Amino acid sequence: MARTDKKIRIFSALEVANICGVVNQTAINWIKNGYLRAFQTPGGQYRVYAEDLIDFLQTRNMRMPEELQRIMQEQMSFDSIMVVDDDETLLNSMMEFLREEYPKYELYAAADGFQAGRIISEHKPKVIFLDIDLPGENGYNVCRAIRSDDSLGVPIIIAMSGLDDPELRARIDEAGADTFVKKPLEFDEIPELIKDQVKERRRARRQRDVQ
């Protein structure tokens, strides 16, 4: 069975081989040839993170065992989303889409930075779509305020703007957003966008844990 440390699943080469229905040396060869991402312990043994094994299986259309399916669901888990935008039409349309796509999730909306700050402080949403061109307290300041408050749980912040240039992106990065999307958004792309950011966050956390 896979070992668990701080909710991070790590598999040995033999466990990978058993999951994939091959001999141990085949799994080791996958690793040595760069097909399967892995790291080595001080004793020289190969270890594979669940995320990397999942990616390996998915890209090759291989069977996904129930254990990895559960892990994948856990890694993609988030239960609350917030949208902050002063464009009433966009805000309402986006919230309607999110209600249909995530009917069991907590969903929040705000039209300005001050309202957003109150809701974020009270409800601590896990994912925040944040318009940076807000009236009053702009999105940059809201983003910095979120990142400076450890009690908010480090939500994923997806910055939004109708503009797009290098200076704007640099300011967004400096403020602490996870990524940027240009408006208008393609709503159908939102689920995949969120999944990608959840995966990236977990990868970054995993790398910090092994340093």
N, C-alpha and C. Protein backbone atom coordinates (compact mmCIF):
# COMPACT_ATOMS: atom_id res chain seq x y z
N MET A 1 0.85 -1.20 0.00
CA MET A 1 0.00 0.00 0.00
C MET A 1 0.88 1.24 0.00
N ALA A 2 0.41 2.31 -0.62
CA ALA A 2 1.18 3.53 -0.68
C ALA A 2 1.34 4.14 0.70
N ARG A 3 2.50 4.74 0.94
CA ARG A 3 2.73 5.43 2.19
C ARG A 3 2.13 6.81 2.11
N THR A 4 1.76 7.37 3.25
CA THR A 4 1.17 8.70 3.30
C THR A 4 1.93 9.54 4.29
N ASP A 5 2.35 10.75 3.85
CA ASP A 5 3.05 11.69 4.70
C ASP A 5 2.52 13.08 4.41
N LYS A 6 1.87 13.68 5.42
CA LYS A 6 1.26 14.98 5.23
C LYS A 6 0.31 14.97 4.03
N LYS A 7 -0.42 13.89 3.91
CA LYS A 7 -1.40 13.72 2.85
C LYS A 7 -0.76 13.63 1.47
N ILE A 8 0.55 13.40 1.39
CA ILE A 8 1.23 13.23 0.11
C ILE A 8 1.44 11.74 -0.11
N ARG A 9 0.93 11.20 -1.22
CA ARG A 9 1.05 9.78 -1.51
C ARG A 9 2.33 9.53 -2.32
N ILE A 10 3.11 8.58 -1.87
CA ILE A 10 4.36 8.24 -2.54
C ILE A 10 4.40 6.74 -2.75
N PHE A 11 4.75 6.32 -3.98
CA PHE A 11 4.79 4.90 -4.34
C PHE A 11 6.21 4.48 -4.66
N SER A 12 6.53 3.25 -4.30
CA SER A 12 7.82 2.68 -4.70
C SER A 12 7.71 2.19 -6.14
N ALA A 13 8.86 1.88 -6.75
CA ALA A 13 8.85 1.35 -8.12
C ALA A 13 8.10 0.03 -8.18
N LEU A 14 8.23 -0.79 -7.14
CA LEU A 14 7.52 -2.06 -7.11
C LEU A 14 6.02 -1.85 -7.04
N GLU A 15 5.58 -0.89 -6.24
CA GLU A 15 4.15 -0.59 -6.16
C GLU A 15 3.63 -0.09 -7.51
N VAL A 16 4.42 0.74 -8.19
CA VAL A 16 4.04 1.20 -9.52
C VAL A 16 3.90 0.01 -10.47
N ALA A 17 4.87 -0.90 -10.40
CA ALA A 17 4.84 -2.08 -11.26
C ALA A 17 3.58 -2.91 -11.01
N ASN A 18 3.23 -3.10 -9.74
CA ASN A 18 2.04 -3.88 -9.40
C ASN A 18 0.77 -3.20 -9.90
N ILE A 19 0.71 -1.88 -9.77
CA ILE A 19 -0.45 -1.13 -10.24
C ILE A 19 -0.61 -1.27 -11.75
N CYS A 20 0.51 -1.21 -12.46
CA CYS A 20 0.49 -1.23 -13.93
C CYS A 20 0.52 -2.63 -14.52
N GLY A 21 0.70 -3.64 -13.68
CA GLY A 21 0.71 -5.01 -14.17
C GLY A 21 1.97 -5.38 -14.93
N VAL A 22 3.10 -4.82 -14.49
CA VAL A 22 4.38 -5.13 -15.13
C VAL A 22 5.37 -5.56 -14.05
N VAL A 23 6.55 -6.02 -14.48
CA VAL A 23 7.58 -6.40 -13.51
C VAL A 23 8.28 -5.14 -13.01
N ASN A 24 8.95 -5.28 -11.88
CA ASN A 24 9.61 -4.15 -11.24
C ASN A 24 10.59 -3.45 -12.17
N GLN A 25 11.37 -4.23 -12.93
CA GLN A 25 12.39 -3.64 -13.79
C GLN A 25 11.78 -2.76 -14.88
N THR A 26 10.59 -3.11 -15.34
CA THR A 26 9.92 -2.29 -16.35
C THR A 26 9.60 -0.91 -15.80
N ALA A 27 9.09 -0.88 -14.56
CA ALA A 27 8.79 0.41 -13.93
C ALA A 27 10.07 1.23 -13.76
N ILE A 28 11.15 0.56 -13.36
CA ILE A 28 12.43 1.26 -13.20
C ILE A 28 12.91 1.80 -14.54
N ASN A 29 12.74 1.03 -15.60
CA ASN A 29 13.13 1.49 -16.92
C ASN A 29 12.31 2.72 -17.35
N TRP A 30 11.02 2.72 -17.05
CA TRP A 30 10.20 3.89 -17.35
C TRP A 30 10.79 5.13 -16.68
N ILE A 31 11.20 4.96 -15.43
CA ILE A 31 11.77 6.07 -14.68
C ILE A 31 13.10 6.51 -15.28
N LYS A 32 13.98 5.56 -15.54
CA LYS A 32 15.30 5.88 -16.07
C LYS A 32 15.23 6.53 -17.45
N ASN A 33 14.24 6.14 -18.23
CA ASN A 33 14.09 6.69 -19.58
C ASN A 33 13.33 8.01 -19.60
N GLY A 34 12.88 8.48 -18.43
CA GLY A 34 12.20 9.76 -18.35
C GLY A 34 10.72 9.73 -18.66
N TYR A 35 10.16 8.53 -18.81
CA TYR A 35 8.73 8.43 -19.08
C TYR A 35 7.89 8.68 -17.83
N LEU A 36 8.41 8.26 -16.70
CA LEU A 36 7.70 8.39 -15.43
C LEU A 36 8.56 9.22 -14.48
N ARG A 37 8.03 10.33 -14.04
CA ARG A 37 8.77 11.22 -13.15
C ARG A 37 8.92 10.58 -11.77
N ALA A 38 10.12 10.68 -11.20
CA ALA A 38 10.38 10.07 -9.90
C ALA A 38 11.56 10.77 -9.24
N PHE A 39 11.81 10.44 -7.98
CA PHE A 39 13.00 10.92 -7.28
C PHE A 39 13.62 9.73 -6.56
N GLN A 40 14.86 9.90 -6.10
CA GLN A 40 15.56 8.84 -5.41
C GLN A 40 15.75 9.17 -3.94
N THR A 41 15.60 8.15 -3.11
CA THR A 41 15.88 8.30 -1.69
C THR A 41 17.39 8.31 -1.48
N PRO A 42 17.87 8.70 -0.29
CA PRO A 42 19.32 8.63 -0.02
C PRO A 42 19.89 7.24 -0.24
N GLY A 43 19.06 6.20 -0.11
CA GLY A 43 19.52 4.84 -0.33
C GLY A 43 19.47 4.40 -1.79
N GLY A 44 19.06 5.31 -2.69
CA GLY A 44 19.05 5.00 -4.11
C GLY A 44 17.78 4.37 -4.63
N GLN A 45 16.73 4.29 -3.79
CA GLN A 45 15.47 3.70 -4.21
C GLN A 45 14.60 4.75 -4.91
N TYR A 46 13.89 4.32 -5.95
CA TYR A 46 13.02 5.24 -6.67
C TYR A 46 11.67 5.38 -5.95
N ARG A 47 11.17 6.60 -5.94
CA ARG A 47 9.88 6.91 -5.36
C ARG A 47 9.10 7.79 -6.34
N VAL A 48 7.79 7.55 -6.42
CA VAL A 48 6.94 8.25 -7.39
C VAL A 48 5.77 8.89 -6.65
N TYR A 49 5.57 10.18 -6.87
CA TYR A 49 4.42 10.85 -6.29
C TYR A 49 3.14 10.43 -7.02
N ALA A 50 2.04 10.42 -6.28
CA ALA A 50 0.76 10.01 -6.87
C ALA A 50 0.40 10.88 -8.07
N GLU A 51 0.65 12.19 -7.97
CA GLU A 51 0.31 13.08 -9.08
C GLU A 51 1.03 12.67 -10.36
N ASP A 52 2.32 12.29 -10.22
CA ASP A 52 3.09 11.91 -11.40
C ASP A 52 2.65 10.57 -11.96
N LEU A 53 2.27 9.64 -11.09
CA LEU A 53 1.77 8.36 -11.57
C LEU A 53 0.43 8.54 -12.27
N ILE A 54 -0.41 9.39 -11.72
CA ILE A 54 -1.71 9.67 -12.35
C ILE A 54 -1.50 10.27 -13.74
N ASP A 55 -0.59 11.26 -13.84
CA ASP A 55 -0.31 11.86 -15.15
C ASP A 55 0.21 10.82 -16.14
N PHE A 56 1.08 9.95 -15.66
CA PHE A 56 1.65 8.90 -16.51
C PHE A 56 0.54 7.99 -17.06
N LEU A 57 -0.36 7.56 -16.19
CA LEU A 57 -1.43 6.66 -16.62
C LEU A 57 -2.41 7.36 -17.55
N GLN A 58 -2.75 8.59 -17.23
CA GLN A 58 -3.73 9.31 -18.05
C GLN A 58 -3.21 9.59 -19.45
N THR A 59 -1.94 10.02 -19.57
CA THR A 59 -1.40 10.36 -20.88
C THR A 59 -1.26 9.13 -21.78
N ARG A 60 -1.24 7.94 -21.17
CA ARG A 60 -1.09 6.71 -21.95
C ARG A 60 -2.38 5.89 -21.99
N ASN A 61 -3.47 6.50 -21.50
CA ASN A 61 -4.78 5.84 -21.52
C ASN A 61 -4.75 4.48 -20.84
N MET A 62 -4.00 4.40 -19.74
CA MET A 62 -3.91 3.16 -18.98
C MET A 62 -4.97 3.15 -17.88
N ARG A 63 -5.28 1.95 -17.42
CA ARG A 63 -6.32 1.79 -16.39
C ARG A 63 -5.93 2.53 -15.12
N MET A 64 -6.91 3.23 -14.54
CA MET A 64 -6.69 3.96 -13.30
C MET A 64 -7.27 3.18 -12.14
N PRO A 65 -6.42 2.62 -11.25
CA PRO A 65 -6.93 1.86 -10.11
C PRO A 65 -7.80 2.72 -9.19
N GLU A 66 -8.68 2.07 -8.45
CA GLU A 66 -9.60 2.81 -7.58
C GLU A 66 -8.84 3.67 -6.58
N GLU A 67 -7.73 3.16 -6.05
CA GLU A 67 -6.96 3.94 -5.07
C GLU A 67 -6.50 5.26 -5.67
N LEU A 68 -5.99 5.23 -6.90
CA LEU A 68 -5.54 6.46 -7.54
C LEU A 68 -6.71 7.35 -7.93
N GLN A 69 -7.83 6.75 -8.25
CA GLN A 69 -9.02 7.56 -8.54
C GLN A 69 -9.43 8.35 -7.30
N ARG A 70 -9.37 7.70 -6.14
CA ARG A 70 -9.69 8.40 -4.89
C ARG A 70 -8.69 9.51 -4.62
N ILE A 71 -7.42 9.22 -4.83
CA ILE A 71 -6.39 10.24 -4.61
C ILE A 71 -6.61 11.42 -5.54
N MET A 72 -6.93 11.14 -6.79
CA MET A 72 -7.15 12.20 -7.77
C MET A 72 -8.32 13.08 -7.34
N GLN A 73 -9.38 12.46 -6.84
CA GLN A 73 -10.52 13.24 -6.38
C GLN A 73 -10.15 14.12 -5.18
N GLU A 74 -9.35 13.57 -4.26
CA GLU A 74 -8.91 14.34 -3.10
C GLU A 74 -8.07 15.53 -3.53
N GLN A 75 -7.19 15.31 -4.50
CA GLN A 75 -6.30 16.37 -4.95
C GLN A 75 -7.06 17.48 -5.67
N MET A 76 -8.14 17.13 -6.30
CA MET A 76 -8.91 18.12 -7.03
C MET A 76 -9.99 18.77 -6.16
N SER A 77 -9.98 18.45 -4.87
CA SER A 77 -11.08 18.89 -4.02
C SER A 77 -10.97 20.37 -3.65
N PHE A 78 -12.07 21.05 -3.76
CA PHE A 78 -12.27 22.39 -3.24
C PHE A 78 -13.77 22.55 -3.13
N ASP A 79 -14.23 23.35 -2.21
CA ASP A 79 -15.68 23.36 -1.95
C ASP A 79 -16.31 24.74 -1.96
N SER A 80 -15.54 25.75 -2.36
CA SER A 80 -16.11 27.10 -2.37
C SER A 80 -15.40 27.97 -3.41
N ILE A 81 -16.19 28.77 -4.11
CA ILE A 81 -15.67 29.63 -5.17
C ILE A 81 -16.30 31.02 -5.00
N MET A 82 -15.48 32.04 -5.24
CA MET A 82 -15.98 33.41 -5.17
C MET A 82 -15.62 34.15 -6.45
N VAL A 83 -16.52 35.01 -6.90
CA VAL A 83 -16.27 35.87 -8.06
C VAL A 83 -16.40 37.32 -7.62
N VAL A 84 -15.37 38.10 -7.94
CA VAL A 84 -15.37 39.52 -7.59
C VAL A 84 -15.24 40.32 -8.88
N ASP A 85 -16.31 41.04 -9.24
CA ASP A 85 -16.29 41.80 -10.49
C ASP A 85 -17.39 42.86 -10.44
N ASP A 86 -17.07 44.07 -10.89
CA ASP A 86 -18.06 45.14 -10.87
C ASP A 86 -18.95 45.15 -12.10
N ASP A 87 -18.64 44.28 -13.06
CA ASP A 87 -19.48 44.14 -14.25
C ASP A 87 -20.66 43.24 -13.87
N GLU A 88 -21.81 43.84 -13.68
CA GLU A 88 -22.98 43.09 -13.17
C GLU A 88 -23.38 41.97 -14.13
N THR A 89 -23.33 42.24 -15.42
CA THR A 89 -23.73 41.21 -16.39
C THR A 89 -22.80 40.02 -16.32
N LEU A 90 -21.49 40.29 -16.33
CA LEU A 90 -20.51 39.20 -16.24
C LEU A 90 -20.65 38.46 -14.92
N LEU A 91 -20.79 39.20 -13.84
CA LEU A 91 -20.90 38.58 -12.52
C LEU A 91 -22.10 37.64 -12.45
N ASN A 92 -23.25 38.10 -12.90
CA ASN A 92 -24.45 37.27 -12.84
C ASN A 92 -24.34 36.05 -13.75
N SER A 93 -23.78 36.25 -14.94
CA SER A 93 -23.64 35.13 -15.88
C SER A 93 -22.67 34.09 -15.35
N MET A 94 -21.58 34.56 -14.77
CA MET A 94 -20.58 33.63 -14.24
C MET A 94 -21.14 32.86 -13.05
N MET A 95 -21.87 33.54 -12.19
CA MET A 95 -22.45 32.86 -11.03
C MET A 95 -23.49 31.84 -11.47
N GLU A 96 -24.25 32.15 -12.50
CA GLU A 96 -25.23 31.19 -13.02
C GLU A 96 -24.53 29.94 -13.54
N PHE A 97 -23.42 30.14 -14.26
CA PHE A 97 -22.66 28.99 -14.76
C PHE A 97 -22.11 28.17 -13.61
N LEU A 98 -21.56 28.82 -12.59
CA LEU A 98 -20.97 28.10 -11.47
C LEU A 98 -22.03 27.33 -10.68
N ARG A 99 -23.22 27.90 -10.55
CA ARG A 99 -24.29 27.18 -9.85
C ARG A 99 -24.67 25.90 -10.57
N GLU A 100 -24.66 25.93 -11.90
CA GLU A 100 -24.97 24.74 -12.67
C GLU A 100 -23.83 23.73 -12.65
N GLU A 101 -22.60 24.24 -12.70
CA GLU A 101 -21.42 23.37 -12.76
C GLU A 101 -21.07 22.79 -11.40
N TYR A 102 -21.29 23.56 -10.35
CA TYR A 102 -20.91 23.13 -8.99
C TYR A 102 -22.10 23.30 -8.04
N PRO A 103 -23.15 22.51 -8.22
CA PRO A 103 -24.39 22.70 -7.45
C PRO A 103 -24.23 22.47 -5.94
N LYS A 104 -23.21 21.74 -5.51
CA LYS A 104 -23.04 21.44 -4.09
C LYS A 104 -21.99 22.33 -3.42
N TYR A 105 -21.45 23.28 -4.15
CA TYR A 105 -20.39 24.13 -3.63
C TYR A 105 -20.96 25.41 -3.02
N GLU A 106 -20.19 25.99 -2.11
CA GLU A 106 -20.51 27.31 -1.59
C GLU A 106 -20.02 28.34 -2.60
N LEU A 107 -20.91 29.21 -3.08
CA LEU A 107 -20.57 30.20 -4.08
C LEU A 107 -20.85 31.60 -3.55
N TYR A 108 -19.92 32.52 -3.80
CA TYR A 108 -20.05 33.88 -3.28
C TYR A 108 -19.76 34.88 -4.40
N ALA A 109 -20.39 36.04 -4.31
CA ALA A 109 -20.20 37.08 -5.32
C ALA A 109 -20.03 38.43 -4.63
N ALA A 110 -19.20 39.28 -5.23
CA ALA A 110 -19.01 40.63 -4.72
C ALA A 110 -18.76 41.55 -5.91
N ALA A 111 -19.24 42.79 -5.78
CA ALA A 111 -19.11 43.74 -6.89
C ALA A 111 -18.03 44.79 -6.65
N ASP A 112 -17.41 44.79 -5.47
CA ASP A 112 -16.33 45.74 -5.21
C ASP A 112 -15.38 45.16 -4.18
N GLY A 113 -14.24 45.81 -4.01
CA GLY A 113 -13.21 45.29 -3.13
C GLY A 113 -13.59 45.26 -1.67
N PHE A 114 -14.34 46.26 -1.21
CA PHE A 114 -14.73 46.30 0.20
C PHE A 114 -15.68 45.15 0.54
N GLN A 115 -16.67 44.95 -0.32
CA GLN A 115 -17.60 43.83 -0.11
C GLN A 115 -16.86 42.51 -0.18
N ALA A 116 -15.94 42.40 -1.13
CA ALA A 116 -15.16 41.17 -1.26
C ALA A 116 -14.36 40.89 0.01
N GLY A 117 -13.75 41.92 0.57
CA GLY A 117 -12.96 41.73 1.78
C GLY A 117 -13.78 41.18 2.93
N ARG A 118 -15.00 41.68 3.09
CA ARG A 118 -15.87 41.20 4.18
C ARG A 118 -16.24 39.73 3.97
N ILE A 119 -16.61 39.38 2.74
CA ILE A 119 -17.03 38.01 2.46
C ILE A 119 -15.86 37.04 2.60
N ILE A 120 -14.70 37.44 2.07
CA ILE A 120 -13.52 36.57 2.15
C ILE A 120 -13.12 36.34 3.59
N SER A 121 -13.16 37.39 4.39
CA SER A 121 -12.80 37.27 5.80
C SER A 121 -13.74 36.33 6.55
N GLU A 122 -15.03 36.38 6.21
CA GLU A 122 -16.02 35.57 6.92
C GLU A 122 -16.07 34.13 6.43
N HIS A 123 -16.02 33.93 5.11
CA HIS A 123 -16.28 32.61 4.54
C HIS A 123 -15.04 31.88 4.02
N LYS A 124 -13.94 32.60 3.79
CA LYS A 124 -12.67 31.98 3.36
C LYS A 124 -12.84 31.06 2.15
N PRO A 125 -13.30 31.57 1.02
CA PRO A 125 -13.46 30.73 -0.18
C PRO A 125 -12.12 30.16 -0.63
N LYS A 126 -12.17 28.97 -1.21
CA LYS A 126 -10.95 28.28 -1.63
C LYS A 126 -10.41 28.78 -2.97
N VAL A 127 -11.32 29.23 -3.85
CA VAL A 127 -10.94 29.73 -5.17
C VAL A 127 -11.60 31.10 -5.37
N ILE A 128 -10.81 32.08 -5.81
CA ILE A 128 -11.34 33.44 -5.99
C ILE A 128 -11.01 33.94 -7.39
N PHE A 129 -12.03 34.26 -8.17
CA PHE A 129 -11.86 34.95 -9.44
C PHE A 129 -11.93 36.44 -9.14
N LEU A 130 -10.84 37.15 -9.36
CA LEU A 130 -10.74 38.52 -8.88
C LEU A 130 -10.45 39.49 -10.03
N ASP A 131 -11.41 40.37 -10.31
CA ASP A 131 -11.21 41.43 -11.29
C ASP A 131 -10.25 42.45 -10.68
N ILE A 132 -9.18 42.76 -11.40
CA ILE A 132 -8.20 43.69 -10.82
C ILE A 132 -8.57 45.14 -11.05
N ASP A 133 -9.57 45.39 -11.92
CA ASP A 133 -9.96 46.77 -12.24
C ASP A 133 -11.20 47.19 -11.47
N LEU A 134 -11.23 46.88 -10.19
CA LEU A 134 -12.39 47.20 -9.37
C LEU A 134 -12.41 48.68 -8.99
N PRO A 135 -13.60 49.25 -8.83
CA PRO A 135 -13.68 50.62 -8.32
C PRO A 135 -13.35 50.64 -6.82
N GLY A 136 -12.89 51.77 -6.35
CA GLY A 136 -12.55 51.87 -4.93
C GLY A 136 -11.30 51.07 -4.61
N GLU A 137 -11.44 50.06 -3.78
CA GLU A 137 -10.32 49.18 -3.42
C GLU A 137 -10.03 48.25 -4.60
N ASN A 138 -8.97 48.55 -5.36
CA ASN A 138 -8.76 47.77 -6.58
C ASN A 138 -8.30 46.35 -6.29
N GLY A 139 -8.32 45.54 -7.35
CA GLY A 139 -8.02 44.13 -7.20
C GLY A 139 -6.61 43.84 -6.73
N TYR A 140 -5.66 44.69 -7.11
CA TYR A 140 -4.29 44.49 -6.65
C TYR A 140 -4.21 44.55 -5.13
N ASN A 141 -4.87 45.57 -4.56
CA ASN A 141 -4.85 45.72 -3.11
C ASN A 141 -5.60 44.60 -2.41
N VAL A 142 -6.72 44.16 -3.01
CA VAL A 142 -7.46 43.04 -2.44
C VAL A 142 -6.58 41.79 -2.43
N CYS A 143 -5.88 41.56 -3.53
CA CYS A 143 -5.01 40.39 -3.64
C CYS A 143 -3.90 40.44 -2.59
N ARG A 144 -3.26 41.59 -2.44
CA ARG A 144 -2.20 41.73 -1.44
C ARG A 144 -2.74 41.51 -0.03
N ALA A 145 -3.94 42.03 0.23
CA ALA A 145 -4.54 41.87 1.56
C ALA A 145 -4.80 40.40 1.86
N ILE A 146 -5.26 39.66 0.86
CA ILE A 146 -5.52 38.23 1.05
C ILE A 146 -4.21 37.50 1.37
N ARG A 147 -3.18 37.81 0.60
CA ARG A 147 -1.90 37.12 0.78
C ARG A 147 -1.22 37.49 2.10
N SER A 148 -1.56 38.63 2.66
CA SER A 148 -0.93 39.05 3.91
C SER A 148 -1.65 38.52 5.14
N ASP A 149 -2.79 37.85 4.94
CA ASP A 149 -3.59 37.36 6.05
C ASP A 149 -3.56 35.83 6.07
N ASP A 150 -2.74 35.25 6.93
CA ASP A 150 -2.59 33.80 6.99
C ASP A 150 -3.88 33.09 7.40
N SER A 151 -4.78 33.79 8.06
CA SER A 151 -6.01 33.16 8.54
C SER A 151 -6.96 32.80 7.40
N LEU A 152 -6.70 33.31 6.20
CA LEU A 152 -7.60 33.06 5.07
C LEU A 152 -7.30 31.76 4.35
N GLY A 153 -6.21 31.08 4.73
CA GLY A 153 -5.95 29.75 4.19
C GLY A 153 -5.33 29.70 2.81
N VAL A 154 -4.76 30.77 2.32
CA VAL A 154 -4.06 30.82 1.03
C VAL A 154 -4.95 30.31 -0.11
N PRO A 155 -6.03 31.01 -0.41
CA PRO A 155 -6.90 30.57 -1.52
C PRO A 155 -6.21 30.72 -2.86
N ILE A 156 -6.70 29.99 -3.85
CA ILE A 156 -6.24 30.16 -5.22
C ILE A 156 -6.88 31.43 -5.77
N ILE A 157 -6.05 32.35 -6.25
CA ILE A 157 -6.55 33.62 -6.80
C ILE A 157 -6.31 33.65 -8.30
N ILE A 158 -7.40 33.76 -9.04
CA ILE A 158 -7.33 33.85 -10.50
C ILE A 158 -7.70 35.28 -10.88
N ALA A 159 -6.69 36.07 -11.25
CA ALA A 159 -6.91 37.47 -11.58
C ALA A 159 -7.54 37.59 -12.97
N MET A 160 -8.39 38.60 -13.12
CA MET A 160 -9.07 38.82 -14.39
C MET A 160 -8.96 40.29 -14.79
N SER A 161 -8.87 40.52 -16.10
CA SER A 161 -8.87 41.89 -16.62
C SER A 161 -9.21 41.86 -18.09
N GLY A 162 -9.80 42.95 -18.57
CA GLY A 162 -10.06 43.08 -19.99
C GLY A 162 -8.82 43.48 -20.77
N LEU A 163 -7.77 43.89 -20.04
CA LEU A 163 -6.50 44.26 -20.67
C LEU A 163 -5.50 43.14 -20.47
N ASP A 164 -4.43 43.19 -21.26
CA ASP A 164 -3.38 42.18 -21.12
C ASP A 164 -2.09 42.74 -21.71
N ASP A 165 -1.12 43.00 -20.85
CA ASP A 165 0.19 43.43 -21.31
C ASP A 165 1.21 43.01 -20.25
N PRO A 166 2.50 43.02 -20.59
CA PRO A 166 3.53 42.55 -19.66
C PRO A 166 3.54 43.29 -18.33
N GLU A 167 3.33 44.61 -18.35
CA GLU A 167 3.35 45.37 -17.11
C GLU A 167 2.21 44.94 -16.20
N LEU A 168 1.03 44.76 -16.78
CA LEU A 168 -0.12 44.32 -16.00
C LEU A 168 0.14 42.96 -15.38
N ARG A 169 0.67 42.02 -16.17
CA ARG A 169 0.95 40.68 -15.64
C ARG A 169 1.99 40.73 -14.53
N ALA A 170 2.98 41.61 -14.68
CA ALA A 170 4.01 41.74 -13.63
C ALA A 170 3.39 42.25 -12.34
N ARG A 171 2.48 43.20 -12.43
CA ARG A 171 1.81 43.72 -11.24
C ARG A 171 0.93 42.64 -10.58
N ILE A 172 0.28 41.85 -11.41
CA ILE A 172 -0.55 40.77 -10.89
C ILE A 172 0.31 39.75 -10.14
N ASP A 173 1.45 39.38 -10.73
CA ASP A 173 2.36 38.44 -10.07
C ASP A 173 2.86 39.02 -8.74
N GLU A 174 3.21 40.30 -8.77
CA GLU A 174 3.72 40.94 -7.56
C GLU A 174 2.67 40.97 -6.45
N ALA A 175 1.41 41.11 -6.85
CA ALA A 175 0.33 41.14 -5.86
C ALA A 175 0.06 39.77 -5.25
N GLY A 176 0.49 38.69 -5.95
CA GLY A 176 0.35 37.36 -5.37
C GLY A 176 -0.70 36.48 -5.99
N ALA A 177 -1.25 36.85 -7.15
CA ALA A 177 -2.24 35.99 -7.81
C ALA A 177 -1.58 34.72 -8.34
N ASP A 178 -2.36 33.65 -8.40
CA ASP A 178 -1.83 32.38 -8.91
C ASP A 178 -1.73 32.37 -10.42
N THR A 179 -2.68 33.00 -11.09
CA THR A 179 -2.66 33.03 -12.55
C THR A 179 -3.53 34.18 -13.03
N PHE A 180 -3.56 34.38 -14.33
CA PHE A 180 -4.30 35.48 -14.93
C PHE A 180 -5.09 34.99 -16.13
N VAL A 181 -6.31 35.48 -16.29
CA VAL A 181 -7.11 35.20 -17.49
C VAL A 181 -7.67 36.52 -18.01
N LYS A 182 -7.72 36.63 -19.33
CA LYS A 182 -8.23 37.83 -19.95
C LYS A 182 -9.74 37.72 -20.16
N LYS A 183 -10.43 38.78 -19.84
CA LYS A 183 -11.87 38.83 -20.08
C LYS A 183 -12.14 39.24 -21.53
N PRO A 184 -13.24 38.77 -22.10
CA PRO A 184 -14.26 37.91 -21.49
C PRO A 184 -13.80 36.46 -21.37
N LEU A 185 -14.24 35.81 -20.30
CA LEU A 185 -13.87 34.42 -20.07
C LEU A 185 -14.74 33.48 -20.90
N GLU A 186 -14.14 32.37 -21.28
CA GLU A 186 -14.91 31.26 -21.85
C GLU A 186 -15.34 30.39 -20.68
N PHE A 187 -16.61 30.44 -20.32
CA PHE A 187 -17.07 29.76 -19.11
C PHE A 187 -16.79 28.26 -19.15
N ASP A 188 -16.88 27.66 -20.32
CA ASP A 188 -16.65 26.22 -20.42
C ASP A 188 -15.22 25.83 -20.03
N GLU A 189 -14.31 26.79 -20.05
CA GLU A 189 -12.92 26.51 -19.71
C GLU A 189 -12.65 26.67 -18.21
N ILE A 190 -13.62 27.18 -17.46
CA ILE A 190 -13.40 27.44 -16.04
C ILE A 190 -13.08 26.17 -15.24
N PRO A 191 -13.83 25.06 -15.40
CA PRO A 191 -13.51 23.86 -14.61
C PRO A 191 -12.09 23.38 -14.82
N GLU A 192 -11.63 23.35 -16.06
CA GLU A 192 -10.26 22.89 -16.33
C GLU A 192 -9.24 23.88 -15.77
N LEU A 193 -9.55 25.16 -15.85
CA LEU A 193 -8.67 26.19 -15.30
C LEU A 193 -8.49 25.99 -13.79
N ILE A 194 -9.59 25.74 -13.09
CA ILE A 194 -9.51 25.53 -11.66
C ILE A 194 -8.73 24.26 -11.34
N LYS A 195 -9.00 23.19 -12.06
CA LYS A 195 -8.28 21.93 -11.84
C LYS A 195 -6.78 22.12 -12.02
N ASP A 196 -6.40 22.84 -13.07
CA ASP A 196 -4.97 23.07 -13.32
C ASP A 196 -4.33 23.83 -12.17
N GLN A 197 -5.04 24.80 -11.64
CA GLN A 197 -4.47 25.59 -10.55
C GLN A 197 -4.39 24.78 -9.25
N VAL A 198 -5.37 23.92 -9.02
CA VAL A 198 -5.32 23.05 -7.84
C VAL A 198 -4.13 22.10 -7.95
N LYS A 199 -3.93 21.53 -9.12
CA LYS A 199 -2.80 20.62 -9.34
C LYS A 199 -1.47 21.36 -9.16
N GLU A 200 -1.38 22.57 -9.71
CA GLU A 200 -0.14 23.34 -9.60
C GLU A 200 0.15 23.70 -8.14
N ARG A 201 -0.90 24.02 -7.40
CA ARG A 201 -0.71 24.35 -5.98
C ARG A 201 -0.20 23.15 -5.22
N ARG A 202 -0.74 21.99 -5.49
CA ARG A 202 -0.31 20.78 -4.79
C ARG A 202 1.12 20.41 -5.18
N ARG A 203 1.48 20.63 -6.45
CA ARG A 203 2.85 20.35 -6.87
C ARG A 203 3.84 21.26 -6.13
N ALA A 204 3.49 22.53 -6.02
CA ALA A 204 4.36 23.48 -5.34
C ALA A 204 4.50 23.12 -3.87
N ARG A 205 3.39 22.71 -3.25
CA ARG A 205 3.44 22.32 -1.84
C ARG A 205 4.29 21.08 -1.65
N ARG A 206 4.15 20.14 -2.58
CA ARG A 206 4.93 18.91 -2.52
C ARG A 206 6.42 19.20 -2.64
N GLN A 207 6.80 20.10 -3.53
CA GLN A 207 8.21 20.44 -3.71
C GLN A 207 8.77 21.10 -2.46
N ARG A 208 7.97 21.94 -1.79
CA ARG A 208 8.45 22.55 -0.55
C ARG A 208 8.68 21.51 0.52
N ASP A 209 7.81 20.50 0.57
CA ASP A 209 7.91 19.49 1.62
C ASP A 209 9.16 18.63 1.48
N VAL A 210 9.69 18.45 0.27
CA VAL A 210 10.85 17.59 0.08
C VAL A 210 12.16 18.36 0.10
N GLN A 211 12.08 19.70 0.18
CA GLN A 211 13.30 20.50 0.23
C GLN A 211 13.91 20.50 1.63
